[in-house]
């Protein structure tokens, strides 16, 4: 397992959750690719999108279903500041992971995390696990517990 995926597995183990990072030969970089690799619906992929806070300059993490876009105005309200697009260098610096493999946990700098409430209706979800080929399965309640995130409606 690659070092980035091991960091995610270590974070899961530290939280005493019996969740397992799985690596695939095919890409899981996009929600569609992850769903195809796992054999699930795109809606059950919990995508992690990192933004830069306009005022604070800190990371804001939006976690949403792979089937939905993120409404940045709703995200701003929930996060307490306007989100701006984050470039690849910012994402790697703040999270320790490259775009396409950013998990919702184990970030270098803890982000303000906002989770789209539509994920809570699902029995299980899949999230990136540190590389463009790794994911892990969890419940929406696990996601809330692991991230300490705030629930909000993020759909347009």
Protein backbone atom coordinates (compact mmCIF):
# COMPACT_ATOMS: atom_id res chain seq x y z
CA UNK A 1 0.00 0.00 0.00
CA UNK A 2 1.28 3.47 -0.86
CA UNK A 3 2.38 5.80 1.95
CA UNK A 4 -0.59 8.16 1.50
CA UNK A 5 -3.07 5.28 1.70
CA UNK A 6 -1.26 3.94 4.77
CA UNK A 7 -1.74 7.33 6.47
CA UNK A 8 -5.47 7.02 5.93
CA UNK A 9 -5.51 3.41 7.17
CA UNK A 10 -3.54 4.45 10.27
CA UNK A 11 -6.07 7.23 10.96
CA UNK A 12 -8.93 4.73 10.70
CA UNK A 13 -7.15 2.27 12.98
CA UNK A 14 -6.41 5.01 15.53
CA UNK A 15 -10.15 5.75 15.68
CA UNK A 16 -10.76 2.03 16.39
CA UNK A 17 -12.92 1.63 13.33
CA UNK A 18 -12.74 -1.64 11.45
CA UNK A 19 -12.62 0.10 8.10
CA UNK A 20 -10.21 -0.97 5.41
CA UNK A 21 -8.50 1.00 2.68
CA UNK A 22 -8.76 -0.80 -0.65
CA UNK A 23 -6.45 -0.13 -3.57
CA UNK A 24 -7.54 -0.79 -7.15
CA UNK A 25 -5.56 -1.23 -10.37
CA UNK A 26 -7.96 1.20 -12.08
CA UNK A 27 -8.26 4.89 -11.22
CA UNK A 28 -10.66 6.06 -8.52
CA UNK A 29 -9.75 9.72 -9.13
CA UNK A 30 -13.27 10.82 -10.14
CA UNK A 31 -16.58 9.81 -8.59
CA UNK A 32 -17.52 7.93 -11.78
CA UNK A 33 -14.20 6.05 -11.84
CA UNK A 34 -14.47 5.20 -8.15
CA UNK A 35 -18.02 3.92 -8.56
CA UNK A 36 -16.97 1.77 -11.49
CA UNK A 37 -13.98 0.31 -9.60
CA UNK A 38 -16.02 -0.41 -6.47
CA UNK A 39 -19.17 -1.54 -8.27
CA UNK A 40 -21.54 0.98 -6.67
CA UNK A 41 -23.68 3.94 -7.67
CA UNK A 42 -21.96 7.32 -8.20
CA UNK A 43 -24.27 8.76 -5.52
CA UNK A 44 -22.54 6.63 -2.85
CA UNK A 45 -19.12 8.13 -3.58
CA UNK A 46 -18.35 10.83 -1.00
CA UNK A 47 -16.18 13.27 -2.92
CA UNK A 48 -13.88 15.57 -0.96
CA UNK A 49 -13.35 19.02 -2.48
CA UNK A 50 -10.89 21.41 -0.85
CA UNK A 51 -11.39 25.17 -1.05
CA UNK A 52 -9.39 28.10 0.34
CA UNK A 53 -11.21 30.38 2.77
CA UNK A 54 -11.27 33.90 1.32
CA UNK A 55 -10.76 35.63 4.69
CA UNK A 56 -8.76 33.07 6.68
CA UNK A 57 -6.74 31.52 3.87
CA UNK A 58 -7.36 28.18 5.57
CA UNK A 59 -8.73 24.98 4.09
CA UNK A 60 -12.45 24.35 3.76
CA UNK A 61 -13.44 20.78 2.96
CA UNK A 62 -16.78 20.07 1.29
CA UNK A 63 -17.84 16.42 1.27
CA UNK A 64 -20.71 15.64 -1.08
CA UNK A 65 -22.23 12.84 -3.08
CA UNK A 66 -20.50 12.12 -6.36
CA UNK A 67 -23.90 12.63 -8.02
CA UNK A 68 -24.18 16.27 -6.91
CA UNK A 69 -22.40 19.53 -7.54
CA UNK A 70 -21.58 21.85 -4.64
CA UNK A 71 -23.35 25.19 -4.28
CA UNK A 72 -20.54 27.52 -3.15
CA UNK A 73 -22.98 30.07 -1.70
CA UNK A 74 -24.49 27.40 0.55
CA UNK A 75 -20.98 26.21 1.42
CA UNK A 76 -19.98 29.78 2.36
CA UNK A 77 -22.94 30.10 4.70
CA UNK A 78 -22.19 26.76 6.39
CA UNK A 79 -18.41 27.34 6.58
CA UNK A 80 -18.69 30.90 7.84
CA UNK A 81 -16.66 32.41 5.01
CA UNK A 82 -16.54 32.48 1.24
CA UNK A 83 -14.71 29.57 -0.36
CA UNK A 84 -12.33 30.15 -3.24
CA UNK A 85 -10.95 27.64 -5.68
CA UNK A 86 -7.82 25.98 -4.29
CA UNK A 87 -4.97 25.08 -6.62
CA UNK A 88 -3.12 21.76 -6.49
CA UNK A 89 -0.22 23.20 -4.45
CA UNK A 90 -2.59 24.56 -1.78
CA UNK A 91 -4.44 21.23 -1.59
CA UNK A 92 -1.23 19.23 -1.19
CA UNK A 93 0.24 21.71 1.32
CA UNK A 94 -2.85 21.75 3.55
CA UNK A 95 -3.98 18.13 3.24
CA UNK A 96 -0.82 16.21 2.43
CA UNK A 97 -2.64 14.56 -0.47
CA UNK A 98 -2.88 15.19 -4.22
CA UNK A 99 -6.12 16.17 -5.92
CA UNK A 100 -7.93 13.02 -6.99
CA UNK A 101 -7.06 11.14 -3.82
CA UNK A 102 -7.96 13.59 -1.04
CA UNK A 103 -9.70 11.71 1.77
CA UNK A 104 -12.07 13.35 4.23
CA UNK A 105 -9.63 12.60 7.08
CA UNK A 106 -5.93 12.65 8.05
CA UNK A 107 -5.19 16.15 6.73
CA UNK A 108 -2.00 17.99 7.73
CA UNK A 109 -4.03 21.10 8.58
CA UNK A 110 -7.48 20.32 9.99
CA UNK A 111 -10.04 21.94 7.66
CA UNK A 112 -13.43 23.44 8.33
CA UNK A 113 -15.50 20.49 7.13
CA UNK A 114 -19.01 20.71 5.73
CA UNK A 115 -20.82 17.51 4.75
CA UNK A 116 -23.77 17.54 2.38
CA UNK A 117 -26.75 16.26 4.32
CA UNK A 118 -27.91 14.10 1.39
CA UNK A 119 -25.14 11.63 2.26
CA UNK A 120 -26.92 10.86 5.54
CA UNK A 121 -29.72 9.04 3.70
CA UNK A 122 -27.33 6.39 2.40
CA UNK A 123 -26.58 3.15 4.28
CA UNK A 124 -22.91 3.26 3.26
CA UNK A 125 -20.58 5.49 1.29
CA UNK A 126 -17.11 5.27 -0.23
CA UNK A 127 -14.43 7.93 0.20
CA UNK A 128 -11.00 8.55 -1.30
CA UNK A 129 -8.16 7.07 0.72
CA UNK A 130 -5.09 9.14 -0.11
CA UNK A 131 -4.23 8.09 -3.66
CA UNK A 132 -6.01 8.17 -7.04
CA UNK A 133 -6.46 4.38 -6.74
CA UNK A 134 -7.60 3.90 -3.13
CA UNK A 135 -10.94 4.20 -1.35
CA UNK A 136 -12.58 3.02 1.86
CA UNK A 137 -16.16 2.16 2.77
CA UNK A 138 -17.86 3.75 5.78
CA UNK A 139 -21.24 4.89 7.04
CA UNK A 140 -22.37 8.51 6.98
CA UNK A 141 -22.26 8.47 10.80
CA UNK A 142 -18.64 7.27 10.64
CA UNK A 143 -17.91 10.23 8.34
CA UNK A 144 -19.43 12.68 10.81
CA UNK A 145 -17.51 11.14 13.71
CA UNK A 146 -14.18 11.05 11.88
CA UNK A 147 -14.34 14.59 10.50
CA UNK A 148 -16.30 16.47 13.14
CA UNK A 149 -17.97 18.05 10.14
CA UNK A 150 -21.07 20.19 10.02
CA UNK A 151 -24.10 18.98 8.07
CA UNK A 152 -25.63 21.35 5.52
CA UNK A 153 -27.55 21.28 2.27
CA UNK A 154 -24.82 21.83 -0.34
CA UNK A 155 -26.77 20.87 -3.45
CA UNK A 156 -27.49 23.60 -6.02
